[in-house]
Each structure stands twice: as C-alpha cells, then as structure tokens.
Amino acid sequence: MIRVKPDGSMQSETINSNGFKATRGQSEALEIKTSRAGNFMNGVRSSMLNSKPLTALSESNFSQAVRNSRIATGANDGLFKASQAIARSPALSVAGKVAGRGLIVVGIALDAVSIYSAYEEEGGFGKKTKEAVGGAAGGLAGGIAGAEIGAMIGTAICPGVGTVVGGIVGGVIGGLAGSGIGKSIAGWFS
C-alpha cells in the first residue's frame, strides 16, 4: 500500500491479505518524478489550497461548527470504517476500481454516440457536430476542474465527508457548466 504524507512524499508499506500491515514500522520511501504538467497542476493546487479565501473558510466559525457536529463526526467515522472494509476486501477493492473505470467508459461512449448522431444527421462535420464535440470536451474538462475545486472547498469546511460531497457536487456543476461553455465556444467555429 502506498501512503501519501501531508508534505507530498510517498511511502510504501507491505499489507497482508487481511488488509493489515505485514511489517511494523518498516516502510520504503518512494521517489516518483512528476512531469511538467504534473508540476504545474500541483502548483495550482497548492496555490488554491493556501489561498486566503480557503484559509479563511477553513478557520471560520461555520467550518469549526460543522466539523464538531455529531452528524459530521458520525459521517467521517462511517467513511473511515467503509474505507477500511474496502481495503481489507479484495473483491470490494477490485469492484470499486472496475466500477469507476467503467463509468468513465460509459460517459465517453455516450458522448461518442452523441457526436456520431450529430454527424450522421448533418451528413458531415457541421454546426451540431461541432457543438457535440465542444460539449463533450468542455464537460470533461469542467467536470474534472469542478471536482478538484469542490473537493478543496469541501475539505476546507469538513475534511473527509466534505471532501467527498464537495468533489461530487463540484464535478456535476463543473461538468454542466463546462459542457455549456464548450458548446458556446464550438459555435464560434461554425
């Protein structure tokens, strides 16, 4: 299992078949080189996480009240127990990976069908096809960016559950907004 520390460094730990550490205190430091694009994205994330608005939000009375509430504490405990159960169960771990990747494939397939339908309807690469391509590309980019930003905001409010909820809500809003913006931009090229 690879653990990422708050400073960004990674360590590898051996896990037995039950999901528990096989060795005590022994770990190997991993050095993973990132690409230029990865360095750029990490810089953007770091700038956003350390920005004044997110810092103010995370230190606000609202965030403190949410974090200390029984509901948030119970939800975080449930999330932790669920993640431990998934880590200990090879079947659940594989199912989660397959389901996540499968949903990406389904989304791409639906966009491809939409693009192909527009292409067939117009008999070529016309206005509707360009809008379908723009909507698909914008929706993907907006969804990824929205999920990142939503997760950051959710983490500032209530780490754990807030991260999950913020990522999902941000991804949906970002995907819808990105799709609309992508269609608009594609319309410029008609």
C-alpha atoms as a PDB file:
ATOM      1  CA  MET A   1       0.000   0.000   0.000  1.00  0.00           C
ATOM      2  CA  ILE A   2       1.272   3.462  -0.813  1.00  0.00           C
ATOM      3  CA  ARG A   3       0.615   6.238   1.689  1.00  0.00           C
ATOM      4  CA  VAL A   4       0.902   9.906   0.780  1.00  0.00           C
ATOM      5  CA  LYS A   5       2.057  12.156   3.613  1.00  0.00           C
ATOM      6  CA  PRO A   6       0.811  15.746   4.008  1.00  0.00           C
ATOM      7  CA  ASP A   7       4.109  17.070   2.623  1.00  0.00           C
ATOM      8  CA  GLY A   8       3.516  15.111  -0.615  1.00  0.00           C
ATOM      9  CA  SER A   9       6.129  12.402  -0.030  1.00  0.00           C
ATOM     10  CA  MET A  10       5.100   8.781  -0.513  1.00  0.00           C
ATOM     11  CA  GLN A  11       5.921   5.628   1.396  1.00  0.00           C
ATOM     12  CA  SER A  12       5.282   2.011   0.509  1.00  0.00           C
ATOM     13  CA  GLU A  13       4.081  -0.367   3.242  1.00  0.00           C
ATOM     14  CA  THR A  14       3.544  -4.093   2.961  1.00  0.00           C
ATOM     15  CA  ILE A  15      -0.059  -5.180   3.618  1.00  0.00           C
ATOM     16  CA  ASN A  16      -1.102  -8.782   4.315  1.00  0.00           C
ATOM     17  CA  SER A  17      -4.166 -10.499   2.806  1.00  0.00           C
ATOM     18  CA  ASN A  18      -6.392  -9.201   5.648  1.00  0.00           C
ATOM     19  CA  GLY A  19      -5.539  -5.570   4.896  1.00  0.00           C
ATOM     20  CA  PHE A  20      -3.286  -5.059   7.923  1.00  0.00           C
ATOM     21  CA  LYS A  21       0.366  -4.021   7.958  1.00  0.00           C
ATOM     22  CA  ALA A  22       2.588  -7.062   7.483  1.00  0.00           C
ATOM     23  CA  THR A  23       5.619  -5.298   8.905  1.00  0.00           C
ATOM     24  CA  ARG A  24       5.834  -2.992  11.885  1.00  0.00           C
ATOM     25  CA  GLY A  25       7.336   0.408  11.277  1.00  0.00           C
ATOM     26  CA  GLN A  26       9.172  -0.676   8.141  1.00  0.00           C
ATOM     27  CA  SER A  27       8.467   1.366   5.063  1.00  0.00           C
ATOM     28  CA  GLU A  28      10.269   2.383   1.933  1.00  0.00           C
ATOM     29  CA  ALA A  29      10.375   5.981   0.737  1.00  0.00           C
ATOM     30  CA  LEU A  30       9.294   6.301  -2.882  1.00  0.00           C
ATOM     31  CA  GLU A  31      10.523   8.975  -5.205  1.00  0.00           C
ATOM     32  CA  ILE A  32       8.134   9.486  -8.072  1.00  0.00           C
ATOM     33  CA  LYS A  33       9.147  12.045 -10.639  1.00  0.00           C
ATOM     34  CA  THR A  34       6.328  14.178 -11.947  1.00  0.00           C
ATOM     35  CA  SER A  35       6.018  15.585 -15.430  1.00  0.00           C
ATOM     36  CA  ARG A  36       5.926  19.290 -16.226  1.00  0.00           C
ATOM     37  CA  ALA A  37       2.147  19.102 -16.437  1.00  0.00           C
ATOM     38  CA  GLY A  38       2.048  17.350 -13.062  1.00  0.00           C
ATOM     39  CA  ASN A  39       4.276  20.014 -11.535  1.00  0.00           C
ATOM     40  CA  PHE A  40       2.017  22.723 -12.969  1.00  0.00           C
ATOM     41  CA  MET A  41      -1.136  21.055 -11.563  1.00  0.00           C
ATOM     42  CA  ASN A  42       0.497  20.569  -8.161  1.00  0.00           C
ATOM     43  CA  GLY A  43       1.480  24.253  -8.153  1.00  0.00           C
ATOM     44  CA  VAL A  44      -2.078  25.303  -8.977  1.00  0.00           C
ATOM     45  CA  ARG A  45      -3.498  23.029  -6.255  1.00  0.00           C
ATOM     46  CA  SER A  46      -1.026  24.350  -3.715  1.00  0.00           C
ATOM     47  CA  SER A  47      -1.818  27.972  -4.626  1.00  0.00           C
ATOM     48  CA  MET A  48      -5.551  27.328  -4.303  1.00  0.00           C
ATOM     49  CA  LEU A  49      -5.276  25.408  -1.041  1.00  0.00           C
ATOM     50  CA  ASN A  50      -3.149  28.145   0.502  1.00  0.00           C
ATOM     51  CA  SER A  51      -5.299  30.987  -0.830  1.00  0.00           C
ATOM     52  CA  LYS A  52      -6.781  33.492   1.595  1.00  0.00           C
ATOM     53  CA  PRO A  53     -10.431  32.594   0.836  1.00  0.00           C
ATOM     54  CA  LEU A  54      -9.945  28.855   1.507  1.00  0.00           C
ATOM     55  CA  THR A  55      -7.835  29.522   4.581  1.00  0.00           C
ATOM     56  CA  ALA A  56     -10.471  31.928   5.917  1.00  0.00           C
ATOM     57  CA  LEU A  57     -13.209  29.384   5.196  1.00  0.00           C
ATOM     58  CA  SER A  58     -11.369  26.564   6.952  1.00  0.00           C
ATOM     59  CA  GLU A  59     -10.731  28.747  10.015  1.00  0.00           C
ATOM     60  CA  SER A  60     -14.262  30.185  10.156  1.00  0.00           C
ATOM     61  CA  ASN A  61     -16.726  29.516  12.974  1.00  0.00           C
ATOM     62  CA  PHE A  62     -19.012  27.837  10.425  1.00  0.00           C
ATOM     63  CA  SER A  63     -16.357  25.274   9.489  1.00  0.00           C
ATOM     64  CA  GLN A  64     -15.497  24.640  13.122  1.00  0.00           C
ATOM     65  CA  ALA A  65     -19.175  24.100  13.965  1.00  0.00           C
ATOM     66  CA  VAL A  66     -19.629  21.708  11.038  1.00  0.00           C
ATOM     67  CA  ARG A  67     -16.507  19.710  11.938  1.00  0.00           C
ATOM     68  CA  ASN A  68     -17.542  19.404  15.574  1.00  0.00           C
ATOM     69  CA  SER A  69     -21.155  18.434  14.862  1.00  0.00           C
ATOM     70  CA  ARG A  70     -22.357  14.927  15.682  1.00  0.00           C
ATOM     71  CA  ILE A  71     -23.505  14.399  12.097  1.00  0.00           C
ATOM     72  CA  ALA A  72     -20.104  15.224  10.575  1.00  0.00           C
ATOM     73  CA  THR A  73     -18.249  13.187  13.191  1.00  0.00           C
ATOM     74  CA  GLY A  74     -20.524  10.188  12.634  1.00  0.00           C
ATOM     75  CA  ALA A  75     -20.293  10.500   8.857  1.00  0.00           C
ATOM     76  CA  ASN A  76     -16.495  10.679   8.993  1.00  0.00           C
ATOM     77  CA  ASP A  77     -16.384   7.620  11.269  1.00  0.00           C
ATOM     78  CA  GLY A  78     -18.627   5.748   8.817  1.00  0.00           C
ATOM     79  CA  LEU A  79     -16.485   6.837   5.878  1.00  0.00           C
ATOM     80  CA  PHE A  80     -13.335   5.665   7.675  1.00  0.00           C
ATOM     81  CA  LYS A  81     -14.867   2.269   8.540  1.00  0.00           C
ATOM     82  CA  ALA A  82     -16.117   1.821   4.968  1.00  0.00           C
ATOM     83  CA  SER A  83     -12.684   2.627   3.535  1.00  0.00           C
ATOM     84  CA  GLN A  84     -11.092   0.120   5.924  1.00  0.00           C
ATOM     85  CA  ALA A  85     -13.593  -2.567   4.894  1.00  0.00           C
ATOM     86  CA  ILE A  86     -12.897  -1.906   1.228  1.00  0.00           C
ATOM     87  CA  ALA A  87      -9.130  -2.021   1.809  1.00  0.00           C
ATOM     88  CA  ARG A  88      -9.467  -5.393   3.569  1.00  0.00           C
ATOM     89  CA  SER A  89     -11.704  -6.927   0.898  1.00  0.00           C
ATOM     90  CA  PRO A  90     -10.006  -7.674  -2.411  1.00  0.00           C
ATOM     91  CA  ALA A  91     -13.397  -8.163  -4.081  1.00  0.00           C
ATOM     92  CA  LEU A  92     -14.711  -4.737  -2.996  1.00  0.00           C
ATOM     93  CA  SER A  93     -11.444  -3.057  -3.910  1.00  0.00           C
ATOM     94  CA  VAL A  94     -11.492  -4.528  -7.431  1.00  0.00           C
ATOM     95  CA  ALA A  95     -15.222  -3.826  -7.819  1.00  0.00           C
ATOM     96  CA  GLY A  96     -14.695  -0.167  -6.950  1.00  0.00           C
ATOM     97  CA  LYS A  97     -11.877   0.213  -9.453  1.00  0.00           C
ATOM     98  CA  VAL A  98     -13.839  -1.560 -12.195  1.00  0.00           C
ATOM     99  CA  ALA A  99     -16.995   0.474 -11.494  1.00  0.00           C
ATOM    100  CA  GLY A 100     -15.085   3.767 -11.540  1.00  0.00           C
ATOM    101  CA  ARG A 101     -13.313   2.978 -14.782  1.00  0.00           C
ATOM    102  CA  GLY A 102     -16.499   1.532 -16.243  1.00  0.00           C
ATOM    103  CA  LEU A 103     -18.397   4.765 -15.598  1.00  0.00           C
ATOM    104  CA  ILE A 104     -15.689   6.722 -17.399  1.00  0.00           C
ATOM    105  CA  VAL A 105     -16.005   4.394 -20.385  1.00  0.00           C
ATOM    106  CA  VAL A 106     -19.816   4.723 -20.339  1.00  0.00           C
ATOM    107  CA  GLY A 107     -19.542   8.541 -20.279  1.00  0.00           C
ATOM    108  CA  ILE A 108     -17.117   8.567 -23.202  1.00  0.00           C
ATOM    109  CA  ALA A 109     -19.322   6.115 -25.131  1.00  0.00           C
ATOM    110  CA  LEU A 110     -22.409   8.305 -24.592  1.00  0.00           C
ATOM    111  CA  ASP A 111     -20.504  11.358 -25.817  1.00  0.00           C
ATOM    112  CA  ALA A 112     -19.268   9.400 -28.841  1.00  0.00           C
ATOM    113  CA  VAL A 113     -22.853   8.361 -29.679  1.00  0.00           C
ATOM    114  CA  SER A 114     -23.977  11.981 -29.360  1.00  0.00           C
ATOM    115  CA  ILE A 115     -21.202  13.177 -31.668  1.00  0.00           C
ATOM    116  CA  TYR A 116     -21.869  10.402 -34.197  1.00  0.00           C
ATOM    117  CA  SER A 117     -25.625  11.107 -34.189  1.00  0.00           C
ATOM    118  CA  ALA A 118     -24.999  14.785 -34.907  1.00  0.00           C
ATOM    119  CA  TYR A 119     -22.528  13.854 -37.642  1.00  0.00           C
ATOM    120  CA  GLU A 120     -24.983  11.455 -39.292  1.00  0.00           C
ATOM    121  CA  GLU A 121     -27.856  13.927 -39.011  1.00  0.00           C
ATOM    122  CA  GLU A 122     -25.888  16.649 -40.752  1.00  0.00           C
ATOM    123  CA  GLY A 123     -24.116  14.363 -43.215  1.00  0.00           C
ATOM    124  CA  GLY A 124     -20.766  15.832 -42.224  1.00  0.00           C
ATOM    125  CA  PHE A 125     -18.936  17.899 -39.657  1.00  0.00           C
ATOM    126  CA  GLY A 126     -21.432  20.735 -39.298  1.00  0.00           C
ATOM    127  CA  LYS A 127     -22.621  23.051 -36.545  1.00  0.00           C
ATOM    128  CA  LYS A 128     -24.368  20.380 -34.413  1.00  0.00           C
ATOM    129  CA  THR A 129     -21.366  18.057 -34.606  1.00  0.00           C
ATOM    130  CA  LYS A 130     -19.020  20.845 -33.525  1.00  0.00           C
ATOM    131  CA  GLU A 131     -21.329  21.669 -30.633  1.00  0.00           C
ATOM    132  CA  ALA A 132     -21.432  17.986 -29.607  1.00  0.00           C
ATOM    133  CA  VAL A 133     -17.626  17.780 -29.656  1.00  0.00           C
ATOM    134  CA  GLY A 134     -17.320  21.088 -27.764  1.00  0.00           C
ATOM    135  CA  GLY A 135     -19.897  19.959 -25.218  1.00  0.00           C
ATOM    136  CA  ALA A 136     -18.118  16.635 -24.653  1.00  0.00           C
ATOM    137  CA  ALA A 137     -14.673  18.220 -24.282  1.00  0.00           C
ATOM    138  CA  GLY A 138     -15.972  21.080 -22.132  1.00  0.00           C
ATOM    139  CA  GLY A 139     -17.994  18.713 -19.952  1.00  0.00           C
ATOM    140  CA  LEU A 140     -14.965  16.508 -19.309  1.00  0.00           C
ATOM    141  CA  ALA A 141     -12.658  19.442 -18.527  1.00  0.00           C
ATOM    142  CA  GLY A 142     -15.294  21.219 -16.434  1.00  0.00           C
ATOM    143  CA  GLY A 143     -16.124  18.046 -14.516  1.00  0.00           C
ATOM    144  CA  ILE A 144     -12.504  17.394 -13.610  1.00  0.00           C
ATOM    145  CA  ALA A 145     -11.845  21.009 -12.631  1.00  0.00           C
ATOM    146  CA  GLY A 146     -15.148  21.266 -10.741  1.00  0.00           C
ATOM    147  CA  ALA A 147     -14.438  18.083  -8.799  1.00  0.00           C
ATOM    148  CA  GLU A 148     -10.978  19.351  -7.819  1.00  0.00           C
ATOM    149  CA  ILE A 149     -12.290  22.743  -6.691  1.00  0.00           C
ATOM    150  CA  GLY A 150     -15.327  21.237  -4.956  1.00  0.00           C
ATOM    151  CA  ALA A 151     -13.142  18.768  -3.072  1.00  0.00           C
ATOM    152  CA  MET A 152     -10.870  21.599  -1.927  1.00  0.00           C
ATOM    153  CA  ILE A 153     -13.814  23.647  -0.684  1.00  0.00           C
ATOM    154  CA  GLY A 154     -15.372  20.581   0.959  1.00  0.00           C
ATOM    155  CA  THR A 155     -12.083  19.792   2.682  1.00  0.00           C
ATOM    156  CA  ALA A 156     -11.875  23.363   3.987  1.00  0.00           C
ATOM    157  CA  ILE A 157     -15.341  23.007   5.514  1.00  0.00           C
ATOM    158  CA  CYS A 158     -15.187  19.423   6.818  1.00  0.00           C
ATOM    159  CA  PRO A 159     -12.300  17.115   5.850  1.00  0.00           C
ATOM    160  CA  GLY A 160     -13.437  13.613   4.930  1.00  0.00           C
ATOM    161  CA  VAL A 161     -17.131  13.755   4.187  1.00  0.00           C
ATOM    162  CA  GLY A 162     -16.859  17.348   2.975  1.00  0.00           C
ATOM    163  CA  THR A 163     -14.180  16.295   0.508  1.00  0.00           C
ATOM    164  CA  VAL A 164     -16.397  13.578  -0.968  1.00  0.00           C
ATOM    165  CA  VAL A 165     -19.550  15.691  -1.111  1.00  0.00           C
ATOM    166  CA  GLY A 166     -17.672  18.732  -2.425  1.00  0.00           C
ATOM    167  CA  GLY A 167     -15.981  16.662  -5.122  1.00  0.00           C
ATOM    168  CA  ILE A 168     -19.261  15.149  -6.327  1.00  0.00           C
ATOM    169  CA  VAL A 169     -21.209  18.419  -6.289  1.00  0.00           C
ATOM    170  CA  GLY A 170     -18.306  20.331  -7.854  1.00  0.00           C
ATOM    171  CA  GLY A 171     -17.899  17.688 -10.556  1.00  0.00           C
ATOM    172  CA  VAL A 172     -21.576  17.793 -11.523  1.00  0.00           C
ATOM    173  CA  ILE A 173     -21.725  21.601 -11.568  1.00  0.00           C
ATOM    174  CA  GLY A 174     -18.383  21.857 -13.385  1.00  0.00           C
ATOM    175  CA  GLY A 175     -19.427  19.261 -15.955  1.00  0.00           C
ATOM    176  CA  LEU A 176     -22.703  21.010 -16.727  1.00  0.00           C
ATOM    177  CA  ALA A 177     -21.073  24.443 -16.907  1.00  0.00           C
ATOM    178  CA  GLY A 178     -18.147  23.128 -18.967  1.00  0.00           C
ATOM    179  CA  SER A 179     -20.475  21.448 -21.421  1.00  0.00           C
ATOM    180  CA  GLY A 180     -22.411  24.674 -21.966  1.00  0.00           C
ATOM    181  CA  ILE A 181     -19.232  26.709 -22.346  1.00  0.00           C
ATOM    182  CA  GLY A 182     -17.764  24.098 -24.715  1.00  0.00           C
ATOM    183  CA  LYS A 183     -20.860  24.218 -26.923  1.00  0.00           C
ATOM    184  CA  SER A 184     -20.703  28.029 -26.979  1.00  0.00           C
ATOM    185  CA  ILE A 185     -17.047  28.050 -27.935  1.00  0.00           C
ATOM    186  CA  ALA A 186     -17.662  25.418 -30.643  1.00  0.00           C
ATOM    187  CA  GLY A 187     -20.377  27.697 -32.025  1.00  0.00           C
ATOM    188  CA  TRP A 188     -17.715  30.335 -32.758  1.00  0.00           C
ATOM    189  CA  PHE A 189     -16.140  27.966 -35.293  1.00  0.00           C
ATOM    190  CA  SER A 190     -19.268  27.403 -37.354  1.00  0.00           C
END
